[in-house]
Amino acid sequence: MELPLETVALFSLKLAYETEGQSPILRDDLMMSDYEREVFGLLIRRGDVTTIKVKVAECVGLALEAIGGAGTPLGRELDRLSVDFSAAQTLEQLDAPLIALKDYLKDIQ
């Protein structure tokens, strides 16, 4: 689960901050330090669903703003997927909405 969480963060930050003609944002960039696989791994081992959801919400919020908000077609779907992810109460319940969120962010890159 650590890799999809890190990927959601990476794709979200790419949407928010990456601009054409500049170096791409990579997993080892400083802006990814709070969203690294190891950070998510620690949260998973602790069973800290709340903090995982907060971290994902921070990143997805930036991506949502970058694509024009929840009022745009892309934004409505991203917002819907984010709400599904936020509704999960256990680590097991995070899996399916996390994969849907990751796949969608990948598709809209």
N, C-alpha and C. Protein backbone atom coordinates (compact mmCIF):
# COMPACT_ATOMS: atom_id res chain seq x y z
N MET A 1 0.81 -1.19 0.00
CA MET A 1 0.00 0.00 0.00
C MET A 1 0.87 1.26 0.00
N GLU A 2 2.12 1.16 0.46
CA GLU A 2 2.98 2.33 0.53
C GLU A 2 3.23 2.95 -0.85
N LEU A 3 3.47 2.09 -1.84
CA LEU A 3 3.77 2.59 -3.18
C LEU A 3 2.58 3.34 -3.79
N PRO A 4 1.35 2.82 -3.75
CA PRO A 4 0.23 3.60 -4.29
C PRO A 4 0.02 4.92 -3.56
N LEU A 5 0.24 4.95 -2.25
CA LEU A 5 0.10 6.20 -1.51
C LEU A 5 1.13 7.22 -1.98
N GLU A 6 2.37 6.77 -2.12
CA GLU A 6 3.43 7.65 -2.60
C GLU A 6 3.13 8.11 -4.04
N THR A 7 2.59 7.22 -4.84
CA THR A 7 2.27 7.56 -6.23
C THR A 7 1.16 8.60 -6.30
N VAL A 8 0.13 8.47 -5.47
CA VAL A 8 -0.94 9.47 -5.43
C VAL A 8 -0.34 10.83 -5.07
N ALA A 9 0.53 10.86 -4.07
CA ALA A 9 1.17 12.12 -3.68
C ALA A 9 1.99 12.68 -4.84
N LEU A 10 2.78 11.84 -5.48
CA LEU A 10 3.63 12.29 -6.58
C LEU A 10 2.81 12.84 -7.73
N PHE A 11 1.80 12.11 -8.17
CA PHE A 11 0.97 12.59 -9.28
C PHE A 11 0.24 13.87 -8.92
N SER A 12 -0.21 13.98 -7.68
CA SER A 12 -0.89 15.20 -7.24
C SER A 12 0.05 16.40 -7.27
N LEU A 13 1.25 16.21 -6.75
CA LEU A 13 2.22 17.31 -6.73
C LEU A 13 2.69 17.66 -8.13
N LYS A 14 2.76 16.68 -9.01
CA LYS A 14 3.10 16.96 -10.41
C LYS A 14 2.03 17.86 -11.03
N LEU A 15 0.77 17.54 -10.80
CA LEU A 15 -0.31 18.38 -11.34
C LEU A 15 -0.24 19.80 -10.77
N ALA A 16 0.09 19.90 -9.50
CA ALA A 16 0.08 21.20 -8.83
C ALA A 16 1.30 22.05 -9.18
N TYR A 17 2.47 21.43 -9.31
CA TYR A 17 3.69 22.23 -9.39
C TYR A 17 4.55 22.05 -10.63
N GLU A 18 4.37 20.97 -11.34
CA GLU A 18 5.24 20.72 -12.49
C GLU A 18 4.80 21.58 -13.67
N THR A 19 5.74 22.27 -14.26
CA THR A 19 5.44 23.09 -15.42
C THR A 19 6.25 22.62 -16.61
N GLU A 20 5.70 22.85 -17.77
CA GLU A 20 6.35 22.43 -19.00
C GLU A 20 7.67 23.17 -19.15
N GLY A 21 8.69 22.45 -19.58
CA GLY A 21 9.99 23.05 -19.80
C GLY A 21 10.91 23.00 -18.59
N GLN A 22 10.40 22.62 -17.43
CA GLN A 22 11.24 22.50 -16.24
C GLN A 22 11.48 21.03 -15.93
N SER A 23 12.41 20.78 -15.05
CA SER A 23 12.70 19.41 -14.65
C SER A 23 11.46 18.79 -14.02
N PRO A 24 11.19 17.53 -14.32
CA PRO A 24 10.02 16.88 -13.71
C PRO A 24 10.22 16.66 -12.22
N ILE A 25 9.12 16.60 -11.51
CA ILE A 25 9.15 16.29 -10.08
C ILE A 25 9.36 14.79 -9.95
N LEU A 26 10.31 14.40 -9.11
CA LEU A 26 10.65 13.00 -8.92
C LEU A 26 10.40 12.59 -7.47
N ARG A 27 10.40 11.31 -7.22
CA ARG A 27 10.14 10.80 -5.87
C ARG A 27 11.15 11.28 -4.84
N ASP A 28 12.38 11.58 -5.28
CA ASP A 28 13.40 11.99 -4.32
C ASP A 28 13.52 13.50 -4.16
N ASP A 29 12.59 14.26 -4.76
CA ASP A 29 12.59 15.71 -4.59
C ASP A 29 12.19 16.07 -3.17
N LEU A 30 12.67 17.23 -2.69
CA LEU A 30 12.38 17.67 -1.34
C LEU A 30 10.89 17.80 -1.06
N MET A 31 10.12 18.24 -2.05
CA MET A 31 8.69 18.41 -1.80
C MET A 31 7.99 17.08 -1.52
N MET A 32 8.64 15.97 -1.83
CA MET A 32 8.07 14.65 -1.56
C MET A 32 8.48 14.10 -0.19
N SER A 33 9.28 14.84 0.57
CA SER A 33 9.82 14.30 1.82
C SER A 33 8.75 13.87 2.82
N ASP A 34 7.63 14.58 2.89
CA ASP A 34 6.55 14.19 3.81
C ASP A 34 5.65 13.10 3.25
N TYR A 35 5.89 12.73 1.99
CA TYR A 35 5.01 11.78 1.30
C TYR A 35 5.78 10.59 0.73
N GLU A 36 6.94 10.31 1.30
CA GLU A 36 7.76 9.19 0.83
C GLU A 36 7.15 7.85 1.23
N ARG A 37 7.53 6.84 0.51
CA ARG A 37 7.06 5.49 0.78
C ARG A 37 7.34 5.08 2.23
N GLU A 38 8.51 5.45 2.75
CA GLU A 38 8.87 5.08 4.12
C GLU A 38 7.97 5.76 5.14
N VAL A 39 7.60 7.01 4.87
CA VAL A 39 6.69 7.73 5.77
C VAL A 39 5.33 7.03 5.80
N PHE A 40 4.82 6.70 4.61
CA PHE A 40 3.54 5.99 4.55
C PHE A 40 3.66 4.60 5.18
N GLY A 41 4.80 3.94 4.98
CA GLY A 41 5.01 2.63 5.58
C GLY A 41 4.92 2.67 7.10
N LEU A 42 5.52 3.69 7.68
CA LEU A 42 5.45 3.85 9.13
C LEU A 42 4.01 4.07 9.59
N LEU A 43 3.28 4.91 8.87
CA LEU A 43 1.88 5.16 9.22
C LEU A 43 1.03 3.90 9.09
N ILE A 44 1.32 3.11 8.08
CA ILE A 44 0.58 1.85 7.89
C ILE A 44 0.88 0.89 9.03
N ARG A 45 2.15 0.76 9.39
CA ARG A 45 2.52 -0.14 10.49
C ARG A 45 1.85 0.30 11.80
N ARG A 46 1.69 1.59 11.98
CA ARG A 46 1.01 2.11 13.17
C ARG A 46 -0.51 1.98 13.07
N GLY A 47 -1.01 1.75 11.87
CA GLY A 47 -2.45 1.70 11.67
C GLY A 47 -3.09 3.08 11.73
N ASP A 48 -2.33 4.11 11.40
CA ASP A 48 -2.77 5.50 11.52
C ASP A 48 -3.53 5.95 10.26
N VAL A 49 -4.75 5.47 10.14
CA VAL A 49 -5.60 5.77 8.98
C VAL A 49 -5.87 7.27 8.89
N THR A 50 -6.08 7.91 10.01
CA THR A 50 -6.40 9.33 10.03
C THR A 50 -5.29 10.16 9.40
N THR A 51 -4.05 9.93 9.79
CA THR A 51 -2.93 10.70 9.25
C THR A 51 -2.71 10.38 7.78
N ILE A 52 -2.90 9.14 7.39
CA ILE A 52 -2.78 8.78 5.98
C ILE A 52 -3.81 9.57 5.17
N LYS A 53 -5.04 9.61 5.65
CA LYS A 53 -6.08 10.34 4.93
C LYS A 53 -5.78 11.84 4.88
N VAL A 54 -5.21 12.39 5.93
CA VAL A 54 -4.85 13.81 5.95
C VAL A 54 -3.77 14.10 4.91
N LYS A 55 -2.75 13.25 4.87
CA LYS A 55 -1.65 13.45 3.92
C LYS A 55 -2.14 13.35 2.47
N VAL A 56 -2.96 12.38 2.20
CA VAL A 56 -3.51 12.23 0.85
C VAL A 56 -4.41 13.42 0.52
N ALA A 57 -5.21 13.86 1.47
CA ALA A 57 -6.10 15.00 1.24
C ALA A 57 -5.32 16.27 0.93
N GLU A 58 -4.17 16.46 1.59
CA GLU A 58 -3.33 17.62 1.31
C GLU A 58 -2.90 17.63 -0.15
N CYS A 59 -2.40 16.50 -0.60
CA CYS A 59 -1.91 16.39 -1.99
C CYS A 59 -3.04 16.50 -3.00
N VAL A 60 -4.11 15.78 -2.76
CA VAL A 60 -5.23 15.80 -3.70
C VAL A 60 -5.85 17.19 -3.74
N GLY A 61 -5.87 17.89 -2.62
CA GLY A 61 -6.38 19.25 -2.60
C GLY A 61 -5.57 20.17 -3.51
N LEU A 62 -4.26 20.02 -3.51
CA LEU A 62 -3.41 20.80 -4.40
C LEU A 62 -3.69 20.46 -5.86
N ALA A 63 -3.85 19.17 -6.13
CA ALA A 63 -4.14 18.74 -7.51
C ALA A 63 -5.50 19.27 -7.95
N LEU A 64 -6.48 19.22 -7.06
CA LEU A 64 -7.82 19.70 -7.37
C LEU A 64 -7.80 21.19 -7.70
N GLU A 65 -7.05 21.93 -6.93
CA GLU A 65 -6.91 23.36 -7.20
C GLU A 65 -6.22 23.60 -8.55
N ALA A 66 -5.22 22.79 -8.85
CA ALA A 66 -4.47 22.95 -10.10
C ALA A 66 -5.33 22.67 -11.34
N ILE A 67 -6.33 21.82 -11.20
CA ILE A 67 -7.17 21.51 -12.37
C ILE A 67 -8.45 22.32 -12.40
N GLY A 68 -8.54 23.32 -11.52
CA GLY A 68 -9.66 24.24 -11.59
C GLY A 68 -10.75 24.03 -10.58
N GLY A 69 -10.56 23.13 -9.64
CA GLY A 69 -11.54 22.93 -8.58
C GLY A 69 -12.58 21.88 -8.90
N ALA A 70 -13.45 21.67 -7.94
CA ALA A 70 -14.47 20.62 -8.05
C ALA A 70 -15.58 20.97 -9.04
N GLY A 71 -15.59 22.19 -9.55
CA GLY A 71 -16.61 22.58 -10.51
C GLY A 71 -16.30 22.21 -11.95
N THR A 72 -15.09 21.73 -12.19
CA THR A 72 -14.71 21.33 -13.55
C THR A 72 -14.99 19.84 -13.73
N PRO A 73 -15.09 19.37 -14.96
CA PRO A 73 -15.32 17.93 -15.16
C PRO A 73 -14.24 17.06 -14.52
N LEU A 74 -12.97 17.41 -14.73
CA LEU A 74 -11.89 16.63 -14.12
C LEU A 74 -11.95 16.74 -12.60
N GLY A 75 -12.26 17.94 -12.12
CA GLY A 75 -12.31 18.18 -10.69
C GLY A 75 -13.44 17.44 -9.99
N ARG A 76 -14.59 17.36 -10.64
CA ARG A 76 -15.71 16.62 -10.03
C ARG A 76 -15.35 15.16 -9.78
N GLU A 77 -14.72 14.55 -10.77
CA GLU A 77 -14.34 13.15 -10.61
C GLU A 77 -13.26 12.98 -9.55
N LEU A 78 -12.27 13.86 -9.56
CA LEU A 78 -11.22 13.79 -8.55
C LEU A 78 -11.80 14.00 -7.16
N ASP A 79 -12.70 14.94 -7.02
CA ASP A 79 -13.34 15.18 -5.74
C ASP A 79 -14.14 13.96 -5.29
N ARG A 80 -14.87 13.34 -6.20
CA ARG A 80 -15.65 12.15 -5.87
C ARG A 80 -14.74 11.02 -5.38
N LEU A 81 -13.64 10.81 -6.09
CA LEU A 81 -12.69 9.76 -5.69
C LEU A 81 -12.04 10.07 -4.34
N SER A 82 -11.79 11.34 -4.11
CA SER A 82 -11.20 11.76 -2.84
C SER A 82 -12.18 11.52 -1.69
N VAL A 83 -13.44 11.80 -1.92
CA VAL A 83 -14.47 11.56 -0.89
C VAL A 83 -14.57 10.07 -0.59
N ASP A 84 -14.53 9.23 -1.63
CA ASP A 84 -14.55 7.78 -1.42
C ASP A 84 -13.37 7.33 -0.56
N PHE A 85 -12.19 7.89 -0.85
CA PHE A 85 -10.99 7.54 -0.08
C PHE A 85 -11.15 8.00 1.37
N SER A 86 -11.64 9.20 1.55
CA SER A 86 -11.80 9.76 2.90
C SER A 86 -12.82 9.01 3.74
N ALA A 87 -13.76 8.34 3.10
CA ALA A 87 -14.80 7.62 3.82
C ALA A 87 -14.30 6.32 4.44
N ALA A 88 -13.16 5.84 4.00
CA ALA A 88 -12.62 4.58 4.53
C ALA A 88 -12.28 4.74 6.01
N GLN A 89 -12.55 3.70 6.76
CA GLN A 89 -12.29 3.73 8.20
C GLN A 89 -11.14 2.82 8.64
N THR A 90 -10.77 1.86 7.77
CA THR A 90 -9.69 0.94 8.11
C THR A 90 -8.68 0.90 6.96
N LEU A 91 -7.53 0.34 7.24
CA LEU A 91 -6.50 0.21 6.20
C LEU A 91 -7.02 -0.62 5.03
N GLU A 92 -7.75 -1.67 5.33
CA GLU A 92 -8.27 -2.53 4.28
C GLU A 92 -9.26 -1.79 3.39
N GLN A 93 -10.05 -0.91 3.98
CA GLN A 93 -11.03 -0.14 3.22
C GLN A 93 -10.38 0.94 2.35
N LEU A 94 -9.13 1.28 2.62
CA LEU A 94 -8.42 2.29 1.83
C LEU A 94 -7.98 1.75 0.47
N ASP A 95 -7.80 0.44 0.36
CA ASP A 95 -7.20 -0.15 -0.84
C ASP A 95 -7.90 0.21 -2.14
N ALA A 96 -9.16 -0.13 -2.28
CA ALA A 96 -9.87 0.09 -3.55
C ALA A 96 -9.97 1.57 -3.92
N PRO A 97 -10.36 2.47 -3.00
CA PRO A 97 -10.42 3.88 -3.37
C PRO A 97 -9.04 4.47 -3.66
N LEU A 98 -8.01 3.94 -3.00
CA LEU A 98 -6.64 4.41 -3.26
C LEU A 98 -6.21 4.08 -4.68
N ILE A 99 -6.48 2.86 -5.10
CA ILE A 99 -6.12 2.45 -6.46
C ILE A 99 -6.90 3.27 -7.49
N ALA A 100 -8.17 3.51 -7.24
CA ALA A 100 -8.97 4.33 -8.16
C ALA A 100 -8.42 5.75 -8.24
N LEU A 101 -8.04 6.31 -7.12
CA LEU A 101 -7.46 7.65 -7.08
C LEU A 101 -6.14 7.70 -7.83
N LYS A 102 -5.29 6.72 -7.59
CA LYS A 102 -3.99 6.64 -8.26
C LYS A 102 -4.17 6.53 -9.78
N ASP A 103 -5.05 5.65 -10.19
CA ASP A 103 -5.28 5.45 -11.63
C ASP A 103 -5.82 6.72 -12.29
N TYR A 104 -6.73 7.40 -11.61
CA TYR A 104 -7.30 8.62 -12.18
C TYR A 104 -6.24 9.71 -12.30
N LEU A 105 -5.45 9.90 -11.25
CA LEU A 105 -4.40 10.92 -11.31
C LEU A 105 -3.38 10.61 -12.40
N LYS A 106 -3.08 9.34 -12.57
CA LYS A 106 -2.18 8.93 -13.65
C LYS A 106 -2.78 9.29 -15.02
N ASP A 107 -4.06 9.02 -15.17
CA ASP A 107 -4.73 9.28 -16.45
C ASP A 107 -4.79 10.77 -16.80
N ILE A 108 -4.91 11.63 -15.83
CA ILE A 108 -5.07 13.06 -16.13
C ILE A 108 -3.75 13.82 -16.16
N GLN A 109 -2.65 13.12 -16.00
CA GLN A 109 -1.34 13.78 -16.07
C GLN A 109 -1.13 14.45 -17.39
